[in-house]
Amino acid sequence: PSIFGGQSMLASSHWAWLGVVIVTAWQTIPSAMVIYLAGLVAIPGE
């Protein structure tokens, strides 16, 4: 549902960049998460 003045987020020159951030983050979070998981596994449980 549109909350940006009756138009899509992507049709707003002020908010379209936020849509690009959301989509890019959704796709690239897993690659960063893999590196963090490797770091967490290296921490001793003790």
PDB file of all heavy atoms in Angstrom:
ATOM      1  N   PRO A   1       0.837  -1.215   0.000  1.00  0.00           N
ATOM      2  CA  PRO A   1       0.000   0.000   0.000  1.00  0.00           C
ATOM      3  C   PRO A   1       0.864   1.255   0.000  1.00  0.00           C
ATOM      4  O   PRO A   1       1.863   1.351   0.708  1.00  0.00           O
ATOM      5  CB  PRO A   1      -0.791  -0.122   1.310  1.00  0.00           C
ATOM      6  CG  PRO A   1      -0.781  -1.576   1.631  1.00  0.00           C
ATOM      7  CD  PRO A   1       0.535  -2.104   1.121  1.00  0.00           C
ATOM      8  N   SER A   2       0.518   2.199  -0.804  1.00  0.00           N
ATOM      9  CA  SER A   2       1.306   3.418  -0.939  1.00  0.00           C
ATOM     10  C   SER A   2       1.140   4.315   0.271  1.00  0.00           C
ATOM     11  O   SER A   2       0.034   4.582   0.724  1.00  0.00           O
ATOM     12  CB  SER A   2       0.891   4.173  -2.196  1.00  0.00           C
ATOM     13  OG  SER A   2       1.594   5.374  -2.287  1.00  0.00           O
ATOM     14  N   ILE A   3       2.265   4.758   0.814  1.00  0.00           N
ATOM     15  CA  ILE A   3       2.243   5.697   1.947  1.00  0.00           C
ATOM     16  C   ILE A   3       3.049   6.942   1.606  1.00  0.00           C
ATOM     17  O   ILE A   3       3.380   7.733   2.477  1.00  0.00           O
ATOM     18  CB  ILE A   3       2.799   5.045   3.221  1.00  0.00           C
ATOM     19  CG1 ILE A   3       4.236   4.556   2.984  1.00  0.00           C
ATOM     20  CG2 ILE A   3       1.918   3.911   3.688  1.00  0.00           C
ATOM     21  CD1 ILE A   3       4.919   4.037   4.239  1.00  0.00           C
ATOM     22  N   PHE A   4       3.370   7.108   0.342  1.00  0.00           N
ATOM     23  CA  PHE A   4       4.191   8.225  -0.081  1.00  0.00           C
ATOM     24  C   PHE A   4       3.376   9.175  -0.955  1.00  0.00           C
ATOM     25  O   PHE A   4       3.612   9.314  -2.145  1.00  0.00           O
ATOM     26  CB  PHE A   4       5.421   7.722  -0.833  1.00  0.00           C
ATOM     27  CG  PHE A   4       6.316   6.875   0.025  1.00  0.00           C
ATOM     28  CD1 PHE A   4       6.176   5.503   0.026  1.00  0.00           C
ATOM     29  CD2 PHE A   4       7.264   7.461   0.837  1.00  0.00           C
ATOM     30  CE1 PHE A   4       7.000   4.722   0.820  1.00  0.00           C
ATOM     31  CE2 PHE A   4       8.080   6.684   1.634  1.00  0.00           C
ATOM     32  CZ  PHE A   4       7.954   5.310   1.632  1.00  0.00           C
ATOM     33  N   GLY A   5       2.384   9.806  -0.337  1.00  0.00           N
ATOM     34  CA  GLY A   5       1.591  10.793  -1.061  1.00  0.00           C
ATOM     35  C   GLY A   5       0.773  10.212  -2.194  1.00  0.00           C
ATOM     36  O   GLY A   5       0.599  10.855  -3.224  1.00  0.00           O
ATOM     37  N   GLY A   6       0.275   9.001  -2.015  1.00  0.00           N
ATOM     38  CA  GLY A   6      -0.563   8.393  -3.030  1.00  0.00           C
ATOM     39  C   GLY A   6       0.182   7.830  -4.217  1.00  0.00           C
ATOM     40  O   GLY A   6      -0.418   7.537  -5.249  1.00  0.00           O
ATOM     41  N   GLN A   7       1.491   7.635  -4.104  1.00  0.00           N
ATOM     42  CA  GLN A   7       2.263   7.076  -5.204  1.00  0.00           C
ATOM     43  C   GLN A   7       3.255   6.048  -4.680  1.00  0.00           C
ATOM     44  O   GLN A   7       3.517   5.967  -3.488  1.00  0.00           O
ATOM     45  CB  GLN A   7       3.019   8.176  -5.945  1.00  0.00           C
ATOM     46  CG  GLN A   7       4.029   8.926  -5.093  1.00  0.00           C
ATOM     47  CD  GLN A   7       4.746  10.025  -5.855  1.00  0.00           C
ATOM     48  OE1 GLN A   7       4.562  10.170  -7.049  1.00  0.00           O
ATOM     49  NE2 GLN A   7       5.554  10.803  -5.156  1.00  0.00           N
ATOM     50  N   SER A   8       3.779   5.249  -5.583  1.00  0.00           N
ATOM     51  CA  SER A   8       4.758   4.239  -5.222  1.00  0.00           C
ATOM     52  C   SER A   8       6.029   4.896  -4.702  1.00  0.00           C
ATOM     53  O   SER A   8       6.387   6.003  -5.106  1.00  0.00           O
ATOM     54  CB  SER A   8       5.081   3.371  -6.439  1.00  0.00           C
ATOM     55  OG  SER A   8       6.223   2.566  -6.194  1.00  0.00           O
ATOM     56  N   MET A   9       6.718   4.190  -3.803  1.00  0.00           N
ATOM     57  CA  MET A   9       7.998   4.687  -3.301  1.00  0.00           C
ATOM     58  C   MET A   9       8.965   4.963  -4.444  1.00  0.00           C
ATOM     59  O   MET A   9       9.703   5.960  -4.432  1.00  0.00           O
ATOM     60  CB  MET A   9       8.627   3.660  -2.351  1.00  0.00           C
ATOM     61  CG  MET A   9      10.002   4.035  -1.840  1.00  0.00           C
ATOM     62  SD  MET A   9      10.867   2.654  -1.039  1.00  0.00           S
ATOM     63  CE  MET A   9       9.757   2.293   0.305  1.00  0.00           C
ATOM     64  N   LEU A  10       8.946   4.109  -5.459  1.00  0.00           N
ATOM     65  CA  LEU A  10       9.870   4.238  -6.571  1.00  0.00           C
ATOM     66  C   LEU A  10       9.540   5.412  -7.476  1.00  0.00           C
ATOM     67  O   LEU A  10      10.360   5.815  -8.307  1.00  0.00           O
ATOM     68  CB  LEU A  10       9.896   2.949  -7.402  1.00  0.00           C
ATOM     69  CG  LEU A  10      10.261   1.673  -6.634  1.00  0.00           C
ATOM     70  CD1 LEU A  10      10.254   0.480  -7.567  1.00  0.00           C
ATOM     71  CD2 LEU A  10      11.622   1.817  -5.958  1.00  0.00           C
ATOM     72  N   ALA A  11       8.343   5.967  -7.337  1.00  0.00           N
ATOM     73  CA  ALA A  11       7.945   7.114  -8.154  1.00  0.00           C
ATOM     74  C   ALA A  11       8.261   8.434  -7.478  1.00  0.00           C
ATOM     75  O   ALA A  11       8.041   9.502  -8.054  1.00  0.00           O
ATOM     76  CB  ALA A  11       6.453   7.046  -8.466  1.00  0.00           C
ATOM     77  N   SER A  12       8.803   8.362  -6.258  1.00  0.00           N
ATOM     78  CA  SER A  12       9.138   9.572  -5.513  1.00  0.00           C
ATOM     79  C   SER A  12      10.628   9.856  -5.642  1.00  0.00           C
ATOM     80  O   SER A  12      11.465   9.004  -5.327  1.00  0.00           O
ATOM     81  CB  SER A  12       8.768   9.403  -4.035  1.00  0.00           C
ATOM     82  OG  SER A  12       9.286  10.454  -3.253  1.00  0.00           O
ATOM     83  N   SER A  13      10.970  11.040  -6.078  1.00  0.00           N
ATOM     84  CA  SER A  13      12.386  11.403  -6.222  1.00  0.00           C
ATOM     85  C   SER A  13      13.083  11.502  -4.868  1.00  0.00           C
ATOM     86  O   SER A  13      14.316  11.462  -4.799  1.00  0.00           O
ATOM     87  CB  SER A  13      12.510  12.740  -6.962  1.00  0.00           C
ATOM     88  OG  SER A  13      11.823  13.774  -6.258  1.00  0.00           O
ATOM     89  N   HIS A  14      12.305  11.630  -3.793  1.00  0.00           N
ATOM     90  CA  HIS A  14      12.882  11.737  -2.452  1.00  0.00           C
ATOM     91  C   HIS A  14      13.078  10.376  -1.788  1.00  0.00           C
ATOM     92  O   HIS A  14      13.907  10.242  -0.888  1.00  0.00           O
ATOM     93  CB  HIS A  14      12.000  12.607  -1.558  1.00  0.00           C
ATOM     94  CG  HIS A  14      11.864  14.025  -2.029  1.00  0.00           C
ATOM     95  ND1 HIS A  14      12.904  14.909  -2.017  1.00  0.00           N
ATOM     96  CD2 HIS A  14      10.800  14.685  -2.565  1.00  0.00           C
ATOM     97  CE1 HIS A  14      12.504  16.082  -2.496  1.00  0.00           C
ATOM     98  NE2 HIS A  14      11.228  15.964  -2.842  1.00  0.00           N
ATOM     99  N   TRP A  15      12.304   9.360  -2.201  1.00  0.00           N
ATOM    100  CA  TRP A  15      12.323   8.081  -1.511  1.00  0.00           C
ATOM    101  C   TRP A  15      12.735   6.898  -2.379  1.00  0.00           C
ATOM    102  O   TRP A  15      12.902   5.793  -1.867  1.00  0.00           O
ATOM    103  CB  TRP A  15      10.941   7.791  -0.913  1.00  0.00           C
ATOM    104  CG  TRP A  15      10.540   8.758   0.135  1.00  0.00           C
ATOM    105  CD1 TRP A  15       9.638   9.780   0.031  1.00  0.00           C
ATOM    106  CD2 TRP A  15      11.043   8.827   1.474  1.00  0.00           C
ATOM    107  NE1 TRP A  15       9.537  10.478   1.203  1.00  0.00           N
ATOM    108  CE2 TRP A  15      10.394   9.913   2.111  1.00  0.00           C
ATOM    109  CE3 TRP A  15      11.979   8.078   2.189  1.00  0.00           C
ATOM    110  CZ2 TRP A  15      10.653  10.253   3.433  1.00  0.00           C
ATOM    111  CZ3 TRP A  15      12.236   8.420   3.502  1.00  0.00           C
ATOM    112  CH2 TRP A  15      11.578   9.502   4.109  1.00  0.00           C
ATOM    113  N   ALA A  16      12.899   7.106  -3.672  1.00  0.00           N
ATOM    114  CA  ALA A  16      13.244   5.984  -4.555  1.00  0.00           C
ATOM    115  C   ALA A  16      14.581   5.348  -4.149  1.00  0.00           C
ATOM    116  O   ALA A  16      14.759   4.130  -4.261  1.00  0.00           O
ATOM    117  CB  ALA A  16      13.301   6.463  -6.002  1.00  0.00           C
ATOM    118  N   TRP A  17      15.528   6.171  -3.669  1.00  0.00           N
ATOM    119  CA  TRP A  17      16.832   5.638  -3.259  1.00  0.00           C
ATOM    120  C   TRP A  17      16.690   4.630  -2.129  1.00  0.00           C
ATOM    121  O   TRP A  17      17.458   3.664  -2.032  1.00  0.00           O
ATOM    122  CB  TRP A  17      17.761   6.773  -2.827  1.00  0.00           C
ATOM    123  CG  TRP A  17      17.359   7.431  -1.544  1.00  0.00           C
ATOM    124  CD1 TRP A  17      16.485   8.459  -1.389  1.00  0.00           C
ATOM    125  CD2 TRP A  17      17.793   7.078  -0.225  1.00  0.00           C
ATOM    126  NE1 TRP A  17      16.346   8.786  -0.058  1.00  0.00           N
ATOM    127  CE2 TRP A  17      17.141   7.953   0.669  1.00  0.00           C
ATOM    128  CE3 TRP A  17      18.674   6.117   0.280  1.00  0.00           C
ATOM    129  CZ2 TRP A  17      17.337   7.878   2.047  1.00  0.00           C
ATOM    130  CZ3 TRP A  17      18.871   6.050   1.654  1.00  0.00           C
ATOM    131  CH2 TRP A  17      18.210   6.930   2.521  1.00  0.00           C
ATOM    132  N   LEU A  18      15.662   4.842  -1.275  1.00  0.00           N
ATOM    133  CA  LEU A  18      15.444   3.923  -0.162  1.00  0.00           C
ATOM    134  C   LEU A  18      15.023   2.548  -0.671  1.00  0.00           C
ATOM    135  O   LEU A  18      15.411   1.518  -0.103  1.00  0.00           O
ATOM    136  CB  LEU A  18      14.380   4.493   0.778  1.00  0.00           C
ATOM    137  CG  LEU A  18      14.089   3.704   2.063  1.00  0.00           C
ATOM    138  CD1 LEU A  18      15.361   3.562   2.889  1.00  0.00           C
ATOM    139  CD2 LEU A  18      12.992   4.381   2.873  1.00  0.00           C
ATOM    140  N   GLY A  19      14.242   2.525  -1.757  1.00  0.00           N
ATOM    141  CA  GLY A  19      13.860   1.250  -2.358  1.00  0.00           C
ATOM    142  C   GLY A  19      15.073   0.493  -2.868  1.00  0.00           C
ATOM    143  O   GLY A  19      15.166  -0.733  -2.733  1.00  0.00           O
ATOM    144  N   VAL A  20      16.022   1.214  -3.456  1.00  0.00           N
ATOM    145  CA  VAL A  20      17.253   0.582  -3.941  1.00  0.00           C
ATOM    146  C   VAL A  20      18.050   0.005  -2.778  1.00  0.00           C
ATOM    147  O   VAL A  20      18.613  -1.098  -2.864  1.00  0.00           O
ATOM    148  CB  VAL A  20      18.109   1.597  -4.728  1.00  0.00           C
ATOM    149  CG1 VAL A  20      19.367   0.923  -5.265  1.00  0.00           C
ATOM    150  CG2 VAL A  20      17.314   2.201  -5.876  1.00  0.00           C
ATOM    151  N   VAL A  21      18.080   0.730  -1.660  1.00  0.00           N
ATOM    152  CA  VAL A  21      18.777   0.244  -0.463  1.00  0.00           C
ATOM    153  C   VAL A  21      18.128  -1.039   0.052  1.00  0.00           C
ATOM    154  O   VAL A  21      18.817  -2.023   0.371  1.00  0.00           O
ATOM    155  CB  VAL A  21      18.776   1.321   0.641  1.00  0.00           C
ATOM    156  CG1 VAL A  21      19.294   0.735   1.960  1.00  0.00           C
ATOM    157  CG2 VAL A  21      19.624   2.506   0.236  1.00  0.00           C
ATOM    158  N   ILE A  22      16.802  -1.062   0.115  1.00  0.00           N
ATOM    159  CA  ILE A  22      16.078  -2.222   0.641  1.00  0.00           C
ATOM    160  C   ILE A  22      16.345  -3.461  -0.209  1.00  0.00           C
ATOM    161  O   ILE A  22      16.649  -4.544   0.306  1.00  0.00           O
ATOM    162  CB  ILE A  22      14.569  -1.930   0.704  1.00  0.00           C
ATOM    163  CG1 ILE A  22      14.281  -0.853   1.755  1.00  0.00           C
ATOM    164  CG2 ILE A  22      13.779  -3.202   1.027  1.00  0.00           C
ATOM    165  CD1 ILE A  22      12.851  -0.362   1.758  1.00  0.00           C
ATOM    166  N   VAL A  23      16.236  -3.318  -1.513  1.00  0.00           N
ATOM    167  CA  VAL A  23      16.428  -4.461  -2.410  1.00  0.00           C
ATOM    168  C   VAL A  23      17.870  -4.961  -2.351  1.00  0.00           C
ATOM    169  O   VAL A  23      18.118  -6.172  -2.278  1.00  0.00           O
ATOM    170  CB  VAL A  23      16.055  -4.082  -3.855  1.00  0.00           C
ATOM    171  CG1 VAL A  23      16.359  -5.231  -4.810  1.00  0.00           C
ATOM    172  CG2 VAL A  23      14.581  -3.720  -3.940  1.00  0.00           C
ATOM    173  N   THR A  24      18.828  -4.044  -2.383  1.00  0.00           N
ATOM    174  CA  THR A  24      20.239  -4.437  -2.335  1.00  0.00           C
ATOM    175  C   THR A  24      20.567  -5.118  -1.015  1.00  0.00           C
ATOM    176  O   THR A  24      21.286  -6.132  -0.982  1.00  0.00           O
ATOM    177  CB  THR A  24      21.145  -3.211  -2.527  1.00  0.00           C
ATOM    178  OG1 THR A  24      20.799  -2.548  -3.743  1.00  0.00           O
ATOM    179  CG2 THR A  24      22.604  -3.620  -2.582  1.00  0.00           C
ATOM    180  N   ALA A  25      20.048  -4.576   0.083  1.00  0.00           N
ATOM    181  CA  ALA A  25      20.295  -5.183   1.392  1.00  0.00           C
ATOM    182  C   ALA A  25      19.704  -6.583   1.458  1.00  0.00           C
ATOM    183  O   ALA A  25      20.341  -7.519   1.958  1.00  0.00           O
ATOM    184  CB  ALA A  25      19.707  -4.292   2.489  1.00  0.00           C
ATOM    185  N   TRP A  26      18.481  -6.742   0.951  1.00  0.00           N
ATOM    186  CA  TRP A  26      17.826  -8.051   0.978  1.00  0.00           C
ATOM    187  C   TRP A  26      18.665  -9.101   0.256  1.00  0.00           C
ATOM    188  O   TRP A  26      18.759 -10.252   0.694  1.00  0.00           O
ATOM    189  CB  TRP A  26      16.445  -7.957   0.332  1.00  0.00           C
ATOM    190  CG  TRP A  26      15.667  -9.232   0.361  1.00  0.00           C
ATOM    191  CD1 TRP A  26      14.895  -9.714   1.379  1.00  0.00           C
ATOM    192  CD2 TRP A  26      15.587 -10.210  -0.687  1.00  0.00           C
ATOM    193  NE1 TRP A  26      14.346 -10.920   1.038  1.00  0.00           N
ATOM    194  CE2 TRP A  26      14.745 -11.254  -0.226  1.00  0.00           C
ATOM    195  CE3 TRP A  26      16.139 -10.303  -1.965  1.00  0.00           C
ATOM    196  CZ2 TRP A  26      14.446 -12.367  -1.004  1.00  0.00           C
ATOM    197  CZ3 TRP A  26      15.844 -11.421  -2.747  1.00  0.00           C
ATOM    198  CH2 TRP A  26      15.009 -12.424  -2.268  1.00  0.00           C
ATOM    199  N   GLN A  27      19.304  -8.711  -0.826  1.00  0.00           N
ATOM    200  CA  GLN A  27      20.067  -9.674  -1.609  1.00  0.00           C
ATOM    201  C   GLN A  27      21.473  -9.903  -1.078  1.00  0.00           C
ATOM    202  O   GLN A  27      22.026 -11.001  -1.229  1.00  0.00           O
ATOM    203  CB  GLN A  27      20.159  -9.211  -3.065  1.00  0.00           C
ATOM    204  CG  GLN A  27      20.794 -10.264  -3.974  1.00  0.00           C
ATOM    205  CD  GLN A  27      20.964  -9.781  -5.386  1.00  0.00           C
ATOM    206  OE1 GLN A  27      21.037  -8.587  -5.650  1.00  0.00           O
ATOM    207  NE2 GLN A  27      21.028 -10.709  -6.326  1.00  0.00           N
ATOM    208  N   THR A  28      22.086  -8.918  -0.442  1.00  0.00           N
ATOM    209  CA  THR A  28      23.491  -9.034  -0.062  1.00  0.00           C
ATOM    210  C   THR A  28      23.726  -9.329   1.422  1.00  0.00           C
ATOM    211  O   THR A  28      24.864  -9.597   1.814  1.00  0.00           O
ATOM    212  CB  THR A  28      24.247  -7.744  -0.432  1.00  0.00           C
ATOM    213  OG1 THR A  28      23.606  -6.619   0.201  1.00  0.00           O
ATOM    214  CG2 THR A  28      24.264  -7.536  -1.940  1.00  0.00           C
ATOM    215  N   ILE A  29      22.691  -9.282   2.238  1.00  0.00           N
ATOM    216  CA  ILE A  29      22.849  -9.631   3.649  1.00  0.00           C
ATOM    217  C   ILE A  29      23.401 -11.052   3.826  1.00  0.00           C
ATOM    218  O   ILE A  29      24.278 -11.275   4.671  1.00  0.00           O
ATOM    219  CB  ILE A  29      21.522  -9.450   4.419  1.00  0.00           C
ATOM    220  CG1 ILE A  29      21.283  -7.962   4.702  1.00  0.00           C
ATOM    221  CG2 ILE A  29      21.511 -10.237   5.712  1.00  0.00           C
ATOM    222  CD1 ILE A  29      19.928  -7.663   5.321  1.00  0.00           C
ATOM    223  N   PRO A  30      22.933 -12.049   3.058  1.00  0.00           N
ATOM    224  CA  PRO A  30      23.461 -13.412   3.251  1.00  0.00           C
ATOM    225  C   PRO A  30      24.967 -13.526   3.088  1.00  0.00           C
ATOM    226  O   PRO A  30      25.625 -14.262   3.843  1.00  0.00           O
ATOM    227  CB  PRO A  30      22.721 -14.222   2.179  1.00  0.00           C
ATOM    228  CG  PRO A  30      21.457 -13.482   1.949  1.00  0.00           C
ATOM    229  CD  PRO A  30      21.819 -12.040   2.096  1.00  0.00           C
ATOM    230  N   SER A  31      25.559 -12.834   2.105  1.00  0.00           N
ATOM    231  CA  SER A  31      27.006 -12.945   1.894  1.00  0.00           C
ATOM    232  C   SER A  31      27.772 -12.392   3.097  1.00  0.00           C
ATOM    233  O   SER A  31      28.802 -12.953   3.498  1.00  0.00           O
ATOM    234  CB  SER A  31      27.413 -12.209   0.619  1.00  0.00           C
ATOM    235  OG  SER A  31      27.044 -10.841   0.682  1.00  0.00           O
ATOM    236  N   ALA A  32      27.291 -11.297   3.681  1.00  0.00           N
ATOM    237  CA  ALA A  32      27.927 -10.757   4.883  1.00  0.00           C
ATOM    238  C   ALA A  32      27.692 -11.680   6.075  1.00  0.00           C
ATOM    239  O   ALA A  32      28.572 -11.846   6.930  1.00  0.00           O
ATOM    240  CB  ALA A  32      27.388  -9.353   5.178  1.00  0.00           C
ATOM    241  N   MET A  33      26.515 -12.300   6.104  1.00  0.00           N
ATOM    242  CA  MET A  33      26.181 -13.198   7.212  1.00  0.00           C
ATOM    243  C   MET A  33      27.086 -14.424   7.229  1.00  0.00           C
ATOM    244  O   MET A  33      27.439 -14.933   8.300  1.00  0.00           O
ATOM    245  CB  MET A  33      24.713 -13.617   7.095  1.00  0.00           C
ATOM    246  CG  MET A  33      24.184 -14.376   8.285  1.00  0.00           C
ATOM    247  SD  MET A  33      22.397 -14.588   8.177  1.00  0.00           S
ATOM    248  CE  MET A  33      22.265 -15.577   6.684  1.00  0.00           C
ATOM    249  N   VAL A  34      27.491 -14.909   6.053  1.00  0.00           N
ATOM    250  CA  VAL A  34      28.394 -16.052   5.976  1.00  0.00           C
ATOM    251  C   VAL A  34      29.714 -15.741   6.676  1.00  0.00           C
ATOM    252  O   VAL A  34      30.245 -16.560   7.433  1.00  0.00           O
ATOM    253  CB  VAL A  34      28.647 -16.442   4.502  1.00  0.00           C
ATOM    254  CG1 VAL A  34      29.763 -17.466   4.407  1.00  0.00           C
ATOM    255  CG2 VAL A  34      27.381 -16.991   3.871  1.00  0.00           C
ATOM    256  N   ILE A  35      30.252 -14.548   6.437  1.00  0.00           N
ATOM    257  CA  ILE A  35      31.516 -14.152   7.063  1.00  0.00           C
ATOM    258  C   ILE A  35      31.354 -14.036   8.569  1.00  0.00           C
ATOM    259  O   ILE A  35      32.221 -14.476   9.344  1.00  0.00           O
ATOM    260  CB  ILE A  35      32.013 -12.827   6.467  1.00  0.00           C
ATOM    261  CG1 ILE A  35      32.339 -13.009   4.976  1.00  0.00           C
ATOM    262  CG2 ILE A  35      33.245 -12.310   7.213  1.00  0.00           C
ATOM    263  CD1 ILE A  35      32.758 -11.736   4.268  1.00  0.00           C
ATOM    264  N   TYR A  36      30.237 -13.468   9.015  1.00  0.00           N
ATOM    265  CA  TYR A  36      30.010 -13.346  10.452  1.00  0.00           C
ATOM    266  C   TYR A  36      29.819 -14.706  11.111  1.00  0.00           C
ATOM    267  O   TYR A  36      30.268 -14.927  12.249  1.00  0.00           O
ATOM    268  CB  TYR A  36      28.796 -12.456  10.710  1.00  0.00           C
ATOM    269  CG  TYR A  36      29.067 -10.991  10.460  1.00  0.00           C
ATOM    270  CD1 TYR A  36      28.148 -10.192   9.794  1.00  0.00           C
ATOM    271  CD2 TYR A  36      30.235 -10.404  10.900  1.00  0.00           C
ATOM    272  CE1 TYR A  36      28.389  -8.839   9.565  1.00  0.00           C
ATOM    273  CE2 TYR A  36      30.488  -9.060  10.682  1.00  0.00           C
ATOM    274  CZ  TYR A  36      29.565  -8.293  10.014  1.00  0.00           C
ATOM    275  OH  TYR A  36      29.829  -6.966   9.791  1.00  0.00           O
ATOM    276  N   LEU A  37      29.149 -15.623  10.438  1.00  0.00           N
ATOM    277  CA  LEU A  37      28.977 -16.969  10.991  1.00  0.00           C
ATOM    278  C   LEU A  37      30.326 -17.660  11.153  1.00  0.00           C
ATOM    279  O   LEU A  37      30.561 -18.358  12.143  1.00  0.00           O
ATOM    280  CB  LEU A  37      28.061 -17.800  10.086  1.00  0.00           C
ATOM    281  CG  LEU A  37      26.561 -17.538  10.216  1.00  0.00           C
ATOM    282  CD1 LEU A  37      25.790 -18.270   9.127  1.00  0.00           C
ATOM    283  CD2 LEU A  37      26.052 -17.955  11.592  1.00  0.00           C
ATOM    284  N   ALA A  38      31.220 -17.455  10.177  1.00  0.00           N
ATOM    285  CA  ALA A  38      32.558 -18.031  10.288  1.00  0.00           C
ATOM    286  C   ALA A  38      33.291 -17.463  11.496  1.00  0.00           C
ATOM    287  O   ALA A  38      34.017 -18.188  12.206  1.00  0.00           O
ATOM    288  CB  ALA A  38      33.348 -17.749   9.014  1.00  0.00           C
ATOM    289  N   GLY A  39      33.114 -16.167  11.756  1.00  0.00           N
ATOM    290  CA  GLY A  39      33.743 -15.558  12.918  1.00  0.00           C
ATOM    291  C   GLY A  39      33.160 -16.053  14.225  1.00  0.00           C
ATOM    292  O   GLY A  39      33.893 -16.290  15.200  1.00  0.00           O
ATOM    293  N   LEU A  40      31.854 -16.242  14.267  1.00  0.00           N
ATOM    294  CA  LEU A  40      31.206 -16.717  15.485  1.00  0.00           C
ATOM    295  C   LEU A  40      31.609 -18.147  15.823  1.00  0.00           C
ATOM    296  O   LEU A  40      31.799 -18.493  16.994  1.00  0.00           O
ATOM    297  CB  LEU A  40      29.677 -16.635  15.327  1.00  0.00           C
ATOM    298  CG  LEU A  40      29.086 -15.226  15.306  1.00  0.00           C
ATOM    299  CD1 LEU A  40      27.610 -15.265  14.920  1.00  0.00           C
ATOM    300  CD2 LEU A  40      29.249 -14.546  16.657  1.00  0.00           C
ATOM    301  N   VAL A  41      31.767 -18.978  14.799  1.00  0.00           N
ATOM    302  CA  VAL A  41      32.180 -20.364  15.025  1.00  0.00           C
ATOM    303  C   VAL A  41      33.590 -20.424  15.612  1.00  0.00           C
ATOM    304  O   VAL A  41      33.925 -21.339  16.381  1.00  0.00           O
ATOM    305  CB  VAL A  41      32.111 -21.159  13.697  1.00  0.00           C
ATOM    306  CG1 VAL A  41      32.730 -22.538  13.851  1.00  0.00           C
ATOM    307  CG2 VAL A  41      30.661 -21.287  13.230  1.00  0.00           C
ATOM    308  N   ALA A  42      34.424 -19.429  15.273  1.00  0.00           N
ATOM    309  CA  ALA A  42      35.815 -19.420  15.740  1.00  0.00           C
ATOM    310  C   ALA A  42      35.942 -19.007  17.207  1.00  0.00           C
ATOM    311  O   ALA A  42      37.009 -19.171  17.808  1.00  0.00           O
ATOM    312  CB  ALA A  42      36.649 -18.488  14.866  1.00  0.00           C
ATOM    313  N   ILE A  43      34.883 -18.456  17.787  1.00  0.00           N
ATOM    314  CA  ILE A  43      34.935 -18.041  19.200  1.00  0.00           C
ATOM    315  C   ILE A  43      34.724 -19.266  20.090  1.00  0.00           C
ATOM    316  O   ILE A  43      33.709 -19.956  19.954  1.00  0.00           O
ATOM    317  CB  ILE A  43      33.859 -16.978  19.495  1.00  0.00           C
ATOM    318  CG1 ILE A  43      34.072 -15.739  18.620  1.00  0.00           C
ATOM    319  CG2 ILE A  43      33.891 -16.589  20.971  1.00  0.00           C
ATOM    320  CD1 ILE A  43      33.002 -14.679  18.803  1.00  0.00           C
ATOM    321  N   PRO A  44      35.638 -19.570  21.014  1.00  0.00           N
ATOM    322  CA  PRO A  44      35.493 -20.755  21.884  1.00  0.00           C
ATOM    323  C   PRO A  44      34.238 -20.670  22.750  1.00  0.00           C
ATOM    324  O   PRO A  44      33.924 -19.613  23.311  1.00  0.00           O
ATOM    325  CB  PRO A  44      36.762 -20.708  22.751  1.00  0.00           C
ATOM    326  CG  PRO A  44      37.716 -19.854  21.996  1.00  0.00           C
ATOM    327  CD  PRO A  44      36.881 -18.839  21.270  1.00  0.00           C
ATOM    328  N   GLY A  45      33.526 -21.773  22.869  1.00  0.00           N
ATOM    329  CA  GLY A  45      32.318 -21.805  23.691  1.00  0.00           C
ATOM    330  C   GLY A  45      32.598 -21.625  25.164  1.00  0.00           C
ATOM    331  O   GLY A  45      31.731 -21.169  25.922  1.00  0.00           O
ATOM    332  N   GLU A  46      33.826 -21.975  25.571  1.00  0.00           N
ATOM    333  CA  GLU A  46      34.176 -21.847  26.991  1.00  0.00           C
ATOM    334  C   GLU A  46      34.109 -20.399  27.465  1.00  0.00           C
ATOM    335  O   GLU A  46      33.844 -20.117  28.638  1.00  0.00           O
ATOM    336  CB  GLU A  46      35.587 -22.398  27.238  1.00  0.00           C
ATOM    337  CG  GLU A  46      35.732 -23.886  27.025  1.00  0.00           C
ATOM    338  CD  GLU A  46      35.900 -24.252  25.556  1.00  0.00           C
ATOM    339  OE1 GLU A  46      35.938 -23.317  24.721  1.00  0.00           O
ATOM    340  OE2 GLU A  46      35.965 -25.453  25.252  1.00  0.00           O
TER     341      GLU A  46
END
